[in-house]
Amino acid sequence: MTKAAEAFGKDLSNFMRSPDALEYIEALSQTVDSTDCPVVQAFRGGRTPGTWGHPKLAVFFARWLDVKFAVFCDMVIDDILNKKAELT
């Protein structure tokens, strides 16, 4: 998450403090088994420093990073709901 935020010129701490992200992370942590893979985990130092997120957090986070990606997601979901696209 750290490197992705940097690549998009975003401050990850803004995401982590946002009410929407906090609510989503809480709901996700209640839904998935986060025993082996915490929803969000920060590492300081070592070989892989940074903040890492559960794979199920990826799309929500990516939508925050890039509004054009968020619009794309909305369009795809709309196509699926209106049967203009198939899930394969």
C-alpha atoms as a PDB file:
ATOM      1  CA  MET A   1       0.000   0.000   0.000  1.00  0.00           C
ATOM      2  CA  THR A   2       2.861   2.336   0.821  1.00  0.00           C
ATOM      3  CA  LYS A   3       4.485   2.120  -2.607  1.00  0.00           C
ATOM      4  CA  ALA A   4       1.157   2.345  -4.434  1.00  0.00           C
ATOM      5  CA  ALA A   5       0.196   5.490  -2.529  1.00  0.00           C
ATOM      6  CA  GLU A   6       3.588   7.030  -3.283  1.00  0.00           C
ATOM      7  CA  ALA A   7       3.237   6.153  -6.982  1.00  0.00           C
ATOM      8  CA  PHE A   8      -0.048   8.064  -7.107  1.00  0.00           C
ATOM      9  CA  GLY A   9       1.280  10.991  -5.065  1.00  0.00           C
ATOM     10  CA  LYS A  10      -1.051  10.195  -2.177  1.00  0.00           C
ATOM     11  CA  ASP A  11      -0.414  10.181   1.560  1.00  0.00           C
ATOM     12  CA  LEU A  12      -1.323   6.749   2.910  1.00  0.00           C
ATOM     13  CA  SER A  13      -2.033   8.208   6.350  1.00  0.00           C
ATOM     14  CA  ASN A  14      -4.920  10.185   4.816  1.00  0.00           C
ATOM     15  CA  PHE A  15      -6.462   6.919   3.636  1.00  0.00           C
ATOM     16  CA  MET A  16      -5.862   5.165   6.953  1.00  0.00           C
ATOM     17  CA  ARG A  17      -7.532   8.011   8.891  1.00  0.00           C
ATOM     18  CA  SER A  18     -10.526   8.460   6.616  1.00  0.00           C
ATOM     19  CA  PRO A  19     -13.867   7.441   8.150  1.00  0.00           C
ATOM     20  CA  ASP A  20     -14.786   5.454   5.023  1.00  0.00           C
ATOM     21  CA  ALA A  21     -11.555   3.447   5.128  1.00  0.00           C
ATOM     22  CA  LEU A  22     -11.822   2.824   8.869  1.00  0.00           C
ATOM     23  CA  GLU A  23     -15.394   1.595   8.467  1.00  0.00           C
ATOM     24  CA  TYR A  24     -14.488  -0.604   5.479  1.00  0.00           C
ATOM     25  CA  ILE A  25     -11.448  -2.105   7.217  1.00  0.00           C
ATOM     26  CA  GLU A  26     -13.537  -2.879  10.304  1.00  0.00           C
ATOM     27  CA  ALA A  27     -16.286  -4.526   8.222  1.00  0.00           C
ATOM     28  CA  LEU A  28     -13.735  -6.479   6.193  1.00  0.00           C
ATOM     29  CA  SER A  29     -11.964  -7.694   9.325  1.00  0.00           C
ATOM     30  CA  GLN A  30     -15.292  -9.047  10.593  1.00  0.00           C
ATOM     31  CA  THR A  31     -15.971 -10.791   7.272  1.00  0.00           C
ATOM     32  CA  VAL A  32     -12.686 -12.456   6.334  1.00  0.00           C
ATOM     33  CA  ASP A  33     -10.463 -14.752   8.342  1.00  0.00           C
ATOM     34  CA  SER A  34      -7.654 -12.359   9.143  1.00  0.00           C
ATOM     35  CA  THR A  35      -5.809 -14.799  11.415  1.00  0.00           C
ATOM     36  CA  ASP A  36      -3.112 -15.585   8.846  1.00  0.00           C
ATOM     37  CA  CYS A  37      -3.414 -12.350   6.865  1.00  0.00           C
ATOM     38  CA  PRO A  38      -4.368  -9.241   8.855  1.00  0.00           C
ATOM     39  CA  VAL A  39      -6.485  -6.694   6.981  1.00  0.00           C
ATOM     40  CA  VAL A  40      -3.767  -4.053   7.427  1.00  0.00           C
ATOM     41  CA  GLN A  41      -0.270  -4.622   8.713  1.00  0.00           C
ATOM     42  CA  ALA A  42       2.614  -2.144   9.038  1.00  0.00           C
ATOM     43  CA  PHE A  43       6.265  -3.185   9.039  1.00  0.00           C
ATOM     44  CA  ARG A  44       9.033  -0.832  10.104  1.00  0.00           C
ATOM     45  CA  GLY A  45      12.556  -1.654   8.991  1.00  0.00           C
ATOM     46  CA  GLY A  46      13.619  -5.084   7.840  1.00  0.00           C
ATOM     47  CA  ARG A  47      13.510  -6.387   4.277  1.00  0.00           C
ATOM     48  CA  THR A  48       9.937  -5.336   3.476  1.00  0.00           C
ATOM     49  CA  PRO A  49       9.064  -2.116   5.311  1.00  0.00           C
ATOM     50  CA  GLY A  50       5.755  -0.449   4.613  1.00  0.00           C
ATOM     51  CA  THR A  51       2.044  -0.964   5.045  1.00  0.00           C
ATOM     52  CA  TRP A  52       0.504  -4.076   3.569  1.00  0.00           C
ATOM     53  CA  GLY A  53      -3.190  -4.756   3.019  1.00  0.00           C
ATOM     54  CA  HIS A  54      -5.330  -7.866   2.711  1.00  0.00           C
ATOM     55  CA  PRO A  55      -6.034  -8.755  -0.941  1.00  0.00           C
ATOM     56  CA  LYS A  56      -9.743  -8.056  -0.357  1.00  0.00           C
ATOM     57  CA  LEU A  57      -8.825  -4.450   0.506  1.00  0.00           C
ATOM     58  CA  ALA A  58      -7.080  -3.906  -2.837  1.00  0.00           C
ATOM     59  CA  VAL A  59     -10.006  -2.665  -4.952  1.00  0.00           C
ATOM     60  CA  PHE A  60     -11.312  -0.333  -2.231  1.00  0.00           C
ATOM     61  CA  PHE A  61      -7.811   1.106  -1.823  1.00  0.00           C
ATOM     62  CA  ALA A  62      -7.244   1.380  -5.588  1.00  0.00           C
ATOM     63  CA  ARG A  63     -10.520   3.284  -5.949  1.00  0.00           C
ATOM     64  CA  TRP A  64      -9.183   5.800  -3.426  1.00  0.00           C
ATOM     65  CA  LEU A  65      -5.885   6.074  -5.297  1.00  0.00           C
ATOM     66  CA  ASP A  66      -7.369   6.801  -8.712  1.00  0.00           C
ATOM     67  CA  VAL A  67     -10.789   8.299  -9.364  1.00  0.00           C
ATOM     68  CA  LYS A  68     -10.695   7.061 -12.978  1.00  0.00           C
ATOM     69  CA  PHE A  69     -10.277   3.509 -11.694  1.00  0.00           C
ATOM     70  CA  ALA A  70     -13.213   4.108  -9.336  1.00  0.00           C
ATOM     71  CA  VAL A  71     -15.371   5.191 -12.284  1.00  0.00           C
ATOM     72  CA  PHE A  72     -14.228   2.136 -14.274  1.00  0.00           C
ATOM     73  CA  CYS A  73     -15.259  -0.132 -11.374  1.00  0.00           C
ATOM     74  CA  ASP A  74     -18.664   1.523 -11.202  1.00  0.00           C
ATOM     75  CA  MET A  75     -19.165   1.073 -14.952  1.00  0.00           C
ATOM     76  CA  VAL A  76     -18.212  -2.620 -14.814  1.00  0.00           C
ATOM     77  CA  ILE A  77     -20.548  -3.242 -11.872  1.00  0.00           C
ATOM     78  CA  ASP A  78     -23.342  -1.418 -13.696  1.00  0.00           C
ATOM     79  CA  ASP A  79     -22.762  -3.554 -16.805  1.00  0.00           C
ATOM     80  CA  ILE A  80     -22.906  -6.730 -14.714  1.00  0.00           C
ATOM     81  CA  LEU A  81     -26.084  -5.652 -12.935  1.00  0.00           C
ATOM     82  CA  ASN A  82     -27.731  -4.702 -16.226  1.00  0.00           C
ATOM     83  CA  LYS A  83     -26.577  -7.933 -17.860  1.00  0.00           C
ATOM     84  CA  LYS A  84     -24.386  -6.134 -20.395  1.00  0.00           C
ATOM     85  CA  ALA A  85     -21.408  -8.146 -19.179  1.00  0.00           C
ATOM     86  CA  GLU A  86     -21.006 -11.719 -18.017  1.00  0.00           C
ATOM     87  CA  LEU A  87     -19.042 -13.071 -15.137  1.00  0.00           C
ATOM     88  CA  THR A  88     -16.852 -15.872 -16.426  1.00  0.00           C
END
